[in-house]
Protein backbone atom coordinates (compact mmCIF):
# COMPACT_ATOMS: atom_id res chain seq x y z
CA MET A 1 -13.77 -0.68 -120.51
CA ASN A 2 -14.10 1.83 -117.97
CA GLU A 3 -11.08 4.36 -116.83
CA LYS A 4 -10.01 2.19 -114.22
CA ASN A 5 -9.28 -0.68 -116.73
CA SER A 6 -8.04 1.58 -119.38
CA ILE A 7 -3.72 1.50 -120.28
CA GLY A 8 -2.00 3.82 -118.07
CA LEU A 9 1.27 3.92 -115.98
CA GLY A 10 -1.14 3.34 -112.89
CA TYR A 11 -2.29 -0.09 -114.70
CA TYR A 12 1.27 -1.38 -115.41
CA LEU A 13 2.19 -0.35 -111.52
CA PHE A 14 -0.97 -2.26 -110.21
CA VAL A 15 0.15 -5.41 -112.09
CA LEU A 16 3.83 -5.39 -110.75
CA ARG A 17 2.29 -4.93 -107.45
CA ARG A 18 0.28 -7.52 -107.76
CA GLN A 19 2.48 -10.16 -109.75
CA TRP A 20 5.91 -9.22 -107.20
CA MET A 21 5.82 -12.61 -106.45
CA THR A 22 6.18 -13.92 -109.90
CA ILE A 23 8.95 -11.21 -110.58
CA LEU A 24 10.82 -12.01 -107.42
CA GLY A 25 10.74 -15.57 -108.07
CA MET A 26 12.25 -15.06 -111.74
CA ALA A 27 14.85 -12.94 -110.70
CA VAL A 28 15.89 -15.58 -108.26
CA ILE A 29 15.76 -18.11 -110.81
CA GLY A 30 17.90 -16.10 -113.17
CA LEU A 31 20.11 -15.45 -110.34
CA VAL A 32 20.52 -19.14 -109.44
CA ALA A 33 20.94 -20.26 -112.72
CA MET A 34 23.58 -17.63 -113.69
CA GLY A 35 25.15 -18.83 -110.37
CA GLY A 36 25.49 -22.35 -111.40
CA TYR A 37 26.79 -21.21 -114.89
CA VAL A 38 29.47 -19.12 -113.22
CA ALA A 39 30.42 -22.24 -110.73
CA LEU A 40 30.12 -25.02 -113.68
CA VAL A 41 32.06 -22.98 -116.25
CA PRO A 42 34.84 -21.37 -115.37
CA GLY A 43 36.04 -17.78 -116.27
CA LYS A 44 39.22 -16.89 -118.68
CA ILE A 45 41.76 -15.24 -117.04
CA LEU A 46 42.65 -11.83 -119.01
CA ALA A 47 46.50 -10.53 -119.23
CA SER A 48 47.45 -7.48 -121.35
CA THR A 49 50.92 -6.55 -122.82
CA VAL A 50 51.35 -2.64 -124.02
CA VAL A 51 53.37 -2.06 -127.36
CA ASN A 52 54.72 1.28 -128.78
CA VAL A 53 54.37 0.79 -132.50
CA ASN A 54 56.92 1.96 -134.28
CA VAL A 55 55.70 3.99 -137.74
CA ILE A 56 58.35 3.40 -140.38
CA VAL A 57 58.84 6.48 -142.26
CA ALA A 58 61.53 8.00 -144.50
CA ASP A 59 62.33 10.98 -142.17
CA PRO A 60 61.34 10.25 -138.87
CA PHE A 61 62.28 13.36 -137.49
CA ASN A 62 59.90 15.32 -139.72
CA PRO A 63 57.52 17.20 -137.86
CA SER A 64 54.90 18.06 -140.68
CA ARG A 65 52.77 14.78 -139.73
CA PRO A 66 52.56 13.06 -136.31
CA ALA A 67 53.53 9.37 -136.09
CA SER A 68 50.17 8.57 -135.07
CA GLY A 69 48.35 9.88 -138.19
CA LEU A 70 50.35 7.49 -140.31
CA LEU A 71 49.30 4.47 -138.27
CA ASP A 72 46.20 2.39 -139.63
CA ALA A 73 44.47 1.26 -136.40
CA ALA A 74 42.24 -1.48 -138.20
CA THR A 75 45.20 -2.72 -140.08
CA GLU A 76 47.23 -3.30 -137.28
CA SER A 77 44.58 -4.87 -135.08
CA LYS A 78 44.10 -7.59 -137.65
CA LEU A 79 48.00 -7.86 -138.15
CA ALA A 80 48.20 -8.44 -134.30
CA SER A 81 45.18 -10.78 -134.38
CA SER A 82 46.40 -12.69 -137.73
CA TYR A 83 47.26 -16.30 -137.93
CA VAL A 84 50.88 -15.74 -138.85
CA VAL A 85 51.52 -14.04 -135.82
CA ALA A 86 49.98 -16.60 -133.71
CA ALA A 87 51.50 -19.26 -135.07
CA ASN A 88 55.06 -17.59 -134.58
CA ALA A 89 54.10 -16.98 -131.03
CA ALA A 90 53.05 -20.81 -130.62
CA ARG A 91 56.39 -21.82 -131.99
CA ALA A 92 57.95 -19.31 -129.24
CA LEU A 93 56.09 -21.13 -126.27
CA ASP A 94 56.81 -24.53 -127.50
CA ASN A 95 53.42 -25.22 -128.42
CA THR A 96 52.14 -25.01 -125.37
CA GLU A 97 49.55 -22.84 -126.59
CA THR A 98 48.62 -23.59 -130.11
CA ALA A 99 48.04 -21.14 -132.70
CA VAL A 100 44.54 -21.73 -132.90
CA GLN A 101 44.04 -21.26 -129.00
CA LEU A 102 46.37 -17.91 -129.15
CA ARG A 103 44.33 -16.57 -132.28
CA ASP A 104 40.73 -17.58 -130.24
CA GLY A 105 42.05 -15.89 -127.13
CA VAL A 106 43.40 -12.45 -128.27
CA SER A 107 42.09 -9.45 -128.41
CA VAL A 108 43.66 -5.76 -129.49
CA THR A 109 42.86 -2.35 -128.65
CA THR A 110 44.61 0.60 -130.44
CA GLY A 111 44.96 4.07 -128.68
CA LEU A 112 43.10 7.13 -130.12
CA ASN A 113 45.79 9.13 -132.11
CA ALA A 114 48.30 7.49 -130.50
CA THR A 115 50.79 4.67 -131.43
CA ILE A 116 49.82 2.30 -128.23
CA VAL A 117 48.53 -1.13 -128.96
CA THR A 118 47.38 -3.33 -126.08
CA ILE A 119 47.55 -6.69 -126.82
CA SER A 120 45.50 -8.96 -124.60
CA TYR A 121 45.24 -13.04 -124.36
CA ALA A 122 42.62 -14.96 -122.24
CA SER A 123 43.56 -18.57 -120.80
CA THR A 124 42.72 -20.44 -118.10
CA THR A 125 45.42 -19.36 -115.94
CA ALA A 126 47.26 -16.30 -114.92
CA ASP A 127 50.55 -17.40 -115.96
CA ARG A 128 49.93 -18.81 -119.37
CA ALA A 129 47.67 -15.65 -120.26
CA ARG A 130 50.99 -13.69 -119.52
CA SER A 131 52.98 -15.91 -121.28
CA GLY A 132 50.61 -15.59 -124.42
CA ALA A 133 50.20 -12.05 -124.30
CA ASP A 134 53.97 -11.52 -124.10
CA ALA A 135 54.16 -14.08 -126.91
CA LEU A 136 51.84 -12.60 -128.88
CA ALA A 137 53.26 -8.75 -128.54
CA LYS A 138 56.83 -9.90 -129.47
CA SER A 139 55.73 -11.83 -132.72
CA TYR A 140 53.54 -9.16 -133.46
CA ILE A 141 56.58 -6.54 -133.59
CA ASP A 142 59.13 -9.49 -135.39
CA TYR A 143 56.44 -9.86 -137.68
CA ARG A 144 56.28 -5.93 -138.62
CA GLN A 145 60.08 -5.61 -138.51
CA SER A 146 60.51 -8.72 -140.68
CA GLN A 147 57.79 -7.12 -143.24
CA ALA A 148 59.53 -3.69 -142.93
CA GLU A 149 63.06 -5.16 -143.63
CA ALA A 150 61.65 -7.17 -146.82
CA THR A 151 60.54 -4.38 -148.34
CA LYS A 152 63.31 -1.94 -147.70
CA LYS A 153 65.41 -4.74 -149.05
CA LYS A 154 63.56 -5.15 -152.04
CA MET A 155 63.20 -1.62 -152.72
CA ILE A 156 67.00 -1.07 -152.17
CA GLY A 157 67.92 -3.84 -154.62
CA ASN A 158 65.67 -2.13 -157.31
CA LEU A 159 67.67 0.98 -156.90
CA GLU A 160 70.92 -0.76 -156.92
CA ASP A 161 69.93 -2.69 -160.33
CA GLN A 162 68.95 0.96 -161.89
CA LEU A 163 72.28 2.15 -160.32
CA GLY A 164 74.47 -0.34 -161.99
CA THR A 165 72.44 0.17 -165.33
CA LEU A 166 73.35 3.93 -165.11
CA ASN A 167 77.06 3.18 -164.33
CA LYS A 168 77.47 1.17 -167.62
CA SER A 169 75.67 3.82 -169.62
CA LEU A 170 77.84 6.30 -168.01
CA ALA A 171 81.26 4.19 -169.35
CA THR A 172 80.02 4.27 -173.11
CA THR A 173 78.24 7.86 -173.22
CA GLN A 174 79.68 10.69 -174.79
CA ALA A 175 80.97 13.28 -172.71
CA ALA A 176 78.03 15.71 -173.28
CA ASP A 177 75.68 13.43 -171.93
CA LYS A 178 77.59 12.35 -169.13
CA SER A 179 76.33 15.31 -167.06
CA ALA A 180 72.85 14.34 -167.24
CA LEU A 181 73.70 10.58 -166.00
CA ASN A 182 75.40 11.70 -163.30
CA THR A 183 72.72 13.49 -161.99
CA ARG A 184 70.54 10.53 -162.17
CA ILE A 185 73.07 8.46 -160.56
CA SER A 186 73.29 11.07 -157.84
CA ASN A 187 69.68 10.69 -157.16
CA VAL A 188 69.70 7.09 -157.10
CA GLU A 189 72.18 6.75 -154.78
CA PHE A 190 70.54 9.55 -152.51
CA GLN A 191 67.49 7.25 -152.45
CA ILE A 192 69.62 4.10 -151.48
CA ASN A 193 71.20 6.20 -148.78
CA GLN A 194 67.78 7.38 -147.50
CA LEU A 195 66.38 3.95 -147.58
CA THR A 196 69.35 2.53 -145.75
CA ALA A 197 68.80 5.06 -142.89
CA ILE A 198 65.20 3.74 -142.33
CA ASP A 199 64.51 2.72 -139.03
CA THR A 200 62.73 -1.23 -139.50
CA THR A 201 62.06 -1.77 -136.11
CA GLY A 202 58.63 -3.01 -135.54
CA GLY A 203 58.32 -1.86 -132.06
CA SER A 204 58.80 -2.23 -128.28
CA VAL A 205 56.99 -3.62 -125.56
CA ILE A 206 56.80 -0.63 -123.03
CA SER A 207 54.47 -2.55 -120.47
CA PRO A 208 54.92 -6.32 -120.14
CA ALA A 209 52.04 -8.71 -118.82
CA ALA A 210 53.68 -9.22 -115.62
CA GLN A 211 53.50 -5.48 -114.88
CA ASN A 212 49.75 -5.36 -115.71
CA PRO A 213 46.95 -6.61 -113.61
CA VAL A 214 45.10 -9.38 -114.61
CA THR A 215 41.17 -9.77 -114.80
CA THR A 216 38.57 -12.36 -115.13
CA GLN A 217 36.47 -12.66 -118.50
CA PRO A 218 33.60 -12.54 -117.93
CA GLN A 219 33.42 -11.09 -114.14
CA PRO A 220 31.18 -13.30 -112.06
CA SER A 221 29.57 -10.21 -110.33
CA LEU A 222 28.95 -9.00 -113.86
CA LEU A 223 27.50 -12.42 -114.77
CA LEU A 224 25.47 -12.64 -111.55
CA VAL A 225 23.77 -9.03 -111.84
CA SER A 226 22.92 -10.13 -115.55
CA GLY A 227 21.63 -13.01 -114.53
CA LEU A 228 19.17 -11.21 -112.05
CA LEU A 229 18.37 -8.56 -114.18
CA VAL A 230 17.11 -11.11 -117.14
CA GLY A 231 15.24 -12.96 -114.54
CA MET A 232 13.20 -9.79 -113.51
CA VAL A 233 12.56 -8.64 -117.23
CA LEU A 234 11.19 -12.36 -117.78
CA GLY A 235 9.70 -12.11 -114.75
CA ILE A 236 7.90 -8.57 -115.49
CA ILE A 237 7.04 -10.18 -118.93
CA LEU A 238 5.51 -13.34 -117.61
CA ALA A 239 3.70 -11.09 -114.90
CA PHE A 240 1.56 -9.41 -117.48
CA ILE A 241 1.03 -12.75 -119.57
CA LEU A 242 -0.41 -14.33 -116.37
CA ASN A 243 -2.32 -11.08 -115.18
CA SER A 244 -4.08 -11.17 -119.03
CA LEU A 245 -4.85 -14.95 -118.52
CA ALA A 246 -5.87 -14.76 -115.23
CA ARG A 247 -9.29 -16.35 -114.64
CA ARG A 248 -9.90 -16.26 -110.96
CA VAL A 249 -11.01 -13.20 -108.63
CA ARG A 250 -8.19 -11.90 -106.65
CA ASP A 251 -9.12 -8.23 -105.95
CA GLY A 252 -11.44 -5.29 -106.63
CA HIS A 253 -9.88 -4.92 -110.24
CA ASP A 254 -11.05 -8.45 -111.10
CA VAL A 255 -14.54 -7.66 -109.83
CA ASP A 256 -14.60 -4.53 -111.49
CA ILE A 257 -13.57 -6.24 -114.74
CA ALA A 258 -16.26 -8.62 -114.09
CA GLY A 259 -18.97 -5.61 -113.77
CA ALA A 260 -20.09 -6.93 -110.15
CA GLY A 261 -19.40 -3.49 -108.56
CA PRO A 262 -16.88 -2.95 -106.02
CA VAL A 263 -16.04 -5.17 -103.14
CA VAL A 264 -18.10 -4.23 -100.45
CA MET A 265 -16.62 -6.33 -97.69
CA ALA A 266 -13.54 -8.49 -97.22
CA LEU A 267 -13.29 -11.63 -94.90
CA ASP A 268 -9.46 -12.29 -94.48
CA SER A 269 -9.72 -14.28 -91.28
CA PRO A 270 -9.04 -17.95 -91.72
CA ASN A 271 -11.58 -18.73 -89.08
CA GLY A 272 -15.18 -17.32 -89.27
CA SER A 273 -17.88 -17.25 -86.03
CA LEU A 274 -21.36 -16.44 -85.44
CA PRO A 275 -22.07 -13.89 -84.02
CA PRO A 276 -19.27 -12.26 -85.83
CA GLN A 277 -16.39 -10.81 -83.82
CA GLY A 278 -13.33 -8.82 -83.58
CA LYS A 279 -11.99 -7.30 -86.96
CA GLU A 280 -15.10 -9.50 -88.92
CA LEU A 281 -17.63 -7.75 -86.69
CA ALA A 282 -16.21 -4.28 -87.88
CA ALA A 283 -16.46 -5.59 -91.42
CA TYR A 284 -20.15 -6.66 -91.15
CA ARG A 285 -21.06 -3.29 -89.35
CA SER A 286 -19.47 -1.45 -92.20
CA LEU A 287 -21.39 -3.24 -94.84
CA ARG A 288 -24.45 -2.87 -92.68
CA GLU A 289 -24.19 1.02 -93.01
CA ARG A 290 -23.27 0.93 -96.30
CA LEU A 291 -26.36 -1.11 -96.99
CA LEU A 292 -28.60 1.07 -95.01
CA ALA A 293 -27.37 4.29 -96.89
CA ALA A 294 -27.90 2.97 -100.36
CA THR A 295 -31.50 1.68 -99.43
CA GLY A 296 -32.64 4.68 -97.31
CA ASN A 297 -32.59 2.71 -94.26
CA ASP A 298 -35.06 -0.04 -95.36
CA ILE A 299 -33.42 -2.78 -97.08
CA GLY A 300 -36.17 -4.66 -97.56
CA VAL A 301 -35.57 -8.11 -99.15
CA LEU A 302 -32.31 -8.92 -100.05
CA THR A 303 -30.83 -11.72 -102.12
CA VAL A 304 -27.13 -13.35 -101.25
CA ILE A 305 -25.68 -15.28 -103.97
CA ASP A 306 -23.15 -17.42 -103.09
CA GLU A 307 -20.31 -18.22 -105.31
CA THR A 308 -17.99 -19.67 -103.27
CA ILE A 309 -16.08 -23.01 -104.16
CA ALA A 310 -15.85 -24.81 -100.90
CA TRP A 311 -17.10 -28.02 -98.93
CA ALA A 312 -19.83 -25.75 -97.18
CA ALA A 313 -21.66 -22.49 -98.07
CA SER A 314 -20.22 -19.19 -96.84
CA ASP A 315 -21.83 -17.38 -93.86
CA VAL A 316 -22.00 -14.03 -95.32
CA GLY A 317 -25.71 -13.70 -95.27
CA GLN A 318 -26.09 -14.93 -91.41
CA GLY A 319 -23.36 -12.53 -90.15
CA LEU A 320 -24.84 -10.01 -92.07
CA ALA A 321 -28.54 -10.76 -90.61
CA VAL A 322 -26.89 -11.24 -86.93
CA VAL A 323 -25.44 -7.62 -87.16
CA LEU A 324 -28.71 -5.87 -88.65
CA ALA A 325 -30.62 -7.76 -85.83
CA GLN A 326 -28.18 -6.59 -83.30
CA SER A 327 -28.72 -2.76 -84.26
CA GLY A 328 -32.44 -3.09 -83.73
CA HIS A 329 -33.81 -4.18 -87.15
CA ASP A 330 -36.20 -7.34 -87.38
CA VAL A 331 -34.69 -9.58 -89.50
CA ASP A 332 -35.93 -12.79 -91.64
CA LEU A 333 -32.92 -14.77 -92.37
CA VAL A 334 -34.01 -17.53 -95.20
CA LEU A 335 -31.48 -20.12 -95.57
CA MET A 336 -32.31 -22.46 -98.57
CA GLY A 337 -30.43 -25.55 -99.17
CA THR A 338 -29.02 -25.73 -95.85
CA SER A 339 -27.85 -28.95 -94.57
CA ALA A 340 -28.78 -30.38 -91.45
CA SER A 341 -25.52 -30.59 -89.98
CA LYS A 342 -25.38 -26.63 -90.62
CA GLN A 343 -28.89 -26.15 -89.12
CA MET A 344 -27.49 -27.94 -85.94
CA GLN A 345 -24.48 -25.89 -85.87
CA LEU A 346 -26.36 -22.52 -86.35
CA ARG A 347 -28.96 -23.82 -83.56
CA GLY A 348 -25.88 -24.00 -81.15
CA GLN A 349 -24.33 -20.73 -82.07
CA LEU A 350 -27.19 -18.43 -82.27
CA LYS A 351 -29.36 -20.42 -79.49
CA LEU A 352 -31.80 -21.11 -81.84
CA ALA A 353 -35.30 -22.94 -80.94
CA PRO A 354 -38.68 -24.11 -82.89
CA SER A 355 -41.15 -21.06 -83.15
CA VAL A 356 -44.63 -21.64 -81.90
CA VAL A 357 -46.35 -18.95 -83.87
CA ASP A 358 -44.99 -20.69 -86.99
CA ALA A 359 -45.26 -24.44 -86.04
CA GLU A 360 -47.79 -24.94 -89.01
CA GLU A 361 -45.83 -23.56 -91.54
CA ASP A 362 -44.15 -25.03 -94.93
CA SER A 363 -40.97 -23.89 -93.40
CA ALA A 364 -38.80 -24.81 -90.02
CA VAL A 365 -38.88 -21.61 -88.37
CA MET A 366 -36.44 -21.01 -85.67
CA VAL A 367 -36.15 -17.90 -83.45
CA SER A 368 -32.86 -16.90 -81.56
CA ALA A 369 -32.64 -16.31 -77.64
CA LEU A 370 -29.24 -15.09 -77.99
CA ILE A 371 -30.78 -12.09 -80.65
CA PRO A 372 -34.33 -11.79 -80.30
CA ARG A 373 -35.22 -9.70 -83.35
CA LEU A 374 -33.68 -12.57 -85.52
CA ARG A 375 -35.55 -15.45 -87.19
CA VAL A 376 -34.09 -17.95 -89.16
CA ILE A 377 -36.47 -19.76 -91.66
CA TYR A 378 -35.77 -23.27 -93.44
CA PRO A 379 -38.06 -23.62 -96.32
CA LEU A 380 -38.63 -27.50 -96.32
CA GLY A 381 -37.69 -29.47 -99.42
CA THR A 382 -39.93 -30.55 -102.26
CA ASP A 383 -39.69 -33.34 -104.92
CA GLY A 384 -38.94 -31.04 -107.69
CA ALA A 385 -41.84 -31.13 -109.25
CA ALA A 386 -44.68 -29.97 -106.58
CA ASP A 387 -43.37 -26.40 -106.23
CA THR A 388 -42.44 -23.53 -108.52
CA ASP A 389 -38.62 -23.80 -107.54
CA ASP A 390 -36.24 -26.35 -105.92
CA PHE A 391 -35.09 -23.44 -103.57
CA VAL A 392 -37.34 -20.42 -103.90
CA THR A 393 -40.79 -21.99 -103.04
CA ASP A 394 -43.97 -21.16 -102.95
CA ASP A 395 -43.89 -20.50 -99.06
CA VAL A 396 -40.60 -18.49 -99.68
CA ARG A 397 -42.56 -16.37 -102.23
CA ARG A 398 -45.79 -16.20 -99.79
CA ARG A 399 -43.28 -14.73 -96.84
CA VAL A 400 -41.58 -12.29 -99.20
CA ASP A 401 -45.23 -10.84 -100.64
CA GLU A 402 -46.39 -10.96 -96.71
CA ARG A 403 -43.19 -9.10 -95.30
CA LEU A 404 -44.54 -6.72 -92.36
CA PRO A 405 -43.16 -3.09 -93.03
CA GLY A 406 -39.95 -2.30 -91.51
CA VAL A 407 -38.51 -6.25 -91.52
CA THR A 408 -35.50 -7.11 -93.55
CA THR A 409 -35.83 -10.47 -95.32
CA ILE A 410 -32.50 -11.85 -96.56
CA LEU A 411 -32.50 -14.70 -98.89
CA VAL A 412 -29.55 -16.86 -98.84
CA LEU A 413 -29.11 -19.44 -101.83
CA PRO A 414 -26.56 -22.05 -101.67
CA PRO A 415 -23.62 -22.42 -104.29
CA LYS A 416 -25.44 -25.19 -105.95
CA ALA A 417 -28.34 -23.03 -106.75
CA ALA A 418 -29.71 -23.46 -110.42
CA ALA A 419 -29.92 -20.26 -112.63
CA SER A 420 -33.71 -20.28 -112.31
CA SER A 421 -33.44 -20.19 -108.81
CA ARG A 422 -31.25 -17.29 -108.76
CA LEU A 423 -33.26 -15.56 -111.03
CA ALA A 424 -36.36 -15.98 -109.06
CA ALA A 425 -34.59 -15.07 -105.79
CA ALA A 426 -33.23 -11.70 -107.30
CA ARG A 427 -36.64 -10.72 -108.83
CA LEU A 428 -38.07 -11.16 -105.29
CA ALA A 429 -35.55 -9.15 -103.88
CA GLN A 430 -35.05 -5.11 -103.89
CA SER A 431 -31.32 -5.71 -103.86
CA ALA A 432 -28.42 -8.23 -104.11
CA LEU A 433 -25.28 -9.30 -103.10
CA LEU A 434 -22.66 -11.61 -104.66
CA VAL A 435 -20.24 -13.71 -102.47
CA ALA A 436 -17.05 -14.77 -104.03
CA GLN A 437 -14.04 -16.61 -102.97
CA HIS A 438 -10.30 -15.19 -103.46
CA ARG A 439 -8.76 -16.92 -106.13
CA ARG A 440 -11.01 -19.55 -106.77
CA THR A 441 -14.37 -18.03 -107.98
CA ARG A 442 -14.05 -17.73 -111.58
CA ILE A 443 -13.88 -13.85 -113.06
CA ALA A 444 -16.64 -14.82 -115.94
CA VAL A 445 -18.81 -16.44 -113.21
CA LEU A 446 -19.31 -12.78 -111.54
CA SER A 447 -20.02 -11.52 -114.75
CA GLU A 448 -22.66 -14.03 -115.36
CA ARG A 449 -24.37 -13.43 -111.97
CA ALA A 450 -24.18 -9.52 -112.52
CA GLN A 451 -25.61 -9.98 -116.12
CA GLU A 452 -28.54 -12.13 -114.46
CA LEU A 453 -29.36 -9.56 -112.05
CA ALA A 454 -29.45 -6.91 -114.47
CA ASP A 455 -31.85 -8.99 -116.47
CA VAL A 456 -34.72 -8.93 -113.93
CA ASP A 457 -33.81 -5.22 -112.73
CA THR A 458 -32.09 -6.00 -109.62
CA PRO A 459 -29.57 -3.69 -108.16
CA LEU A 460 -26.12 -4.99 -107.10
CA HIS A 461 -24.55 -3.79 -104.23
CA GLY A 462 -21.27 -5.36 -105.07
CA VAL A 463 -19.53 -8.40 -104.40
CA VAL A 464 -18.36 -9.95 -100.44
CA LEU A 465 -14.68 -11.58 -101.16
CA VAL A 466 -13.53 -14.15 -98.62
CA ARG A 467 -10.53 -16.05 -98.30
CA ALA A 468 -10.08 -19.22 -100.01
CA THR A 469 -9.27 -21.18 -96.84
CA ARG A 470 -11.79 -19.81 -94.64
CA GLU A 471 -13.90 -22.08 -92.67
CA SER A 472 -17.10 -20.52 -91.95
CA GLY A 473 -17.99 -23.33 -89.23
CA ALA A 474 -14.64 -22.60 -87.39
CA GLY A 475 -15.00 -21.50 -83.77
CA ALA A 476 -18.59 -22.55 -83.90
CA ARG A 477 -18.15 -26.19 -82.63
CA ALA A 478 -17.18 -24.92 -79.25
CA THR A 479 -20.08 -22.71 -79.07
CA SER A 480 -22.68 -25.43 -80.34
CA ALA A 481 -20.89 -28.06 -77.74
CA ALA A 482 -21.50 -25.14 -74.99
CA HIS A 483 -25.14 -25.03 -75.98
CA SER A 484 -25.85 -28.30 -77.36
CA LYS A 485 -27.26 -29.33 -73.47
CA ALA A 486 -29.34 -26.18 -73.34
CA ASP A 487 -32.94 -26.00 -74.25
CA PRO A 488 -34.12 -22.53 -74.54
CA GLN A 489 -37.87 -21.74 -74.32
CA PRO A 490 -39.26 -20.48 -77.81
CA VAL A 491 -39.53 -16.88 -78.36
CA SER A 492 -42.24 -15.71 -80.82
CA ARG A 493 -42.57 -12.61 -82.38
């Protein structure tokens, strides 16, 4: 694999640029799919109630440790979202929201290094969400208070039992031991007094749900953006998969992969004409100069192998021959396997007439009154056994062998030519061109043709890439009709 095919940032950008329609299509699909989900599946309305939790301590005014340091955030979160709290809240709401619904829709967040707990509830409407959040907050506060009061009552009860026992012992104890018992009784009474003074309030609501804004969960805009991004990611993945599975020629990168050389000319026009005109004329002239520079101003014999997939063969060889002849080169254009309708079409386009000099040859030789330096040669067909090849006949070989110095011979094979014909035409030529069709010609076919040329040591200039829907005969019918009544005199070379 050459440097152009090596994996790098440039390659990834190239694939993304080539497959941009795939990426865009998947992004649109993701956006539409998520839009449908948003439309069909209603979002939840989220309301929040803010609670200041009362941390229950024996001495709330002791500054040695802040109240937030005594609060276990994980425990409080679990407690606020527990089934017991949800069940009590459901009873407070007269079961308009069940305990299961309340527990499924509740979410709890605790402030960092603070005693603030935010209890949120998601429901189908804003009113139900606010009612649920407030009910859960109140149930959470009440539950904390009831638990604290139960614990306080139990501890005080235990101390009172101890105090009763000590008082009974004091009545039966001798005077010498009463001092120690009185001390113990005083300690127990002090503990009872401390417990009695403890504030067991669970907390207080500092911001009810009605005072806080409601939000939609999940947010439609966030969902749409997520759908778009997911679609783009899937599109990028699909782009690389499709690029690796591509089997048809799309651009110069595929031509390089096939080892068929560069794209020496691209014909993007939907209609072709002979002689070439406009942008196509400029493209043919550029190709002509490339070929002349590569061959030292003497192209000699050039084989054009057509690998287009269309109703008719391309006209690349004809266009190149016309442009070469227009620049003062003597050109013999040998068209092998050309249909009778195509021959009639070319006759009108180039004002062709039979050659008097070559009237007795084994080929139909036509000369152009429009471009005097151009001859068009149609080798006569054989029965397949009386000649060396179906297309590269003995007459074609003889014309190549007897080619005069300075004359350029262009051998044009049709797409249906067999491998033996391609090899024979390539072996007779000094160089070759391949014609491929955008998104129709297979990369593997170009690779095979390049290998065939290498097998017979015929240099390959590169590939001419033509548009898939290009009609080589378009624009020619008018020219043919205009000249069908004309009968130009034969021109001899």
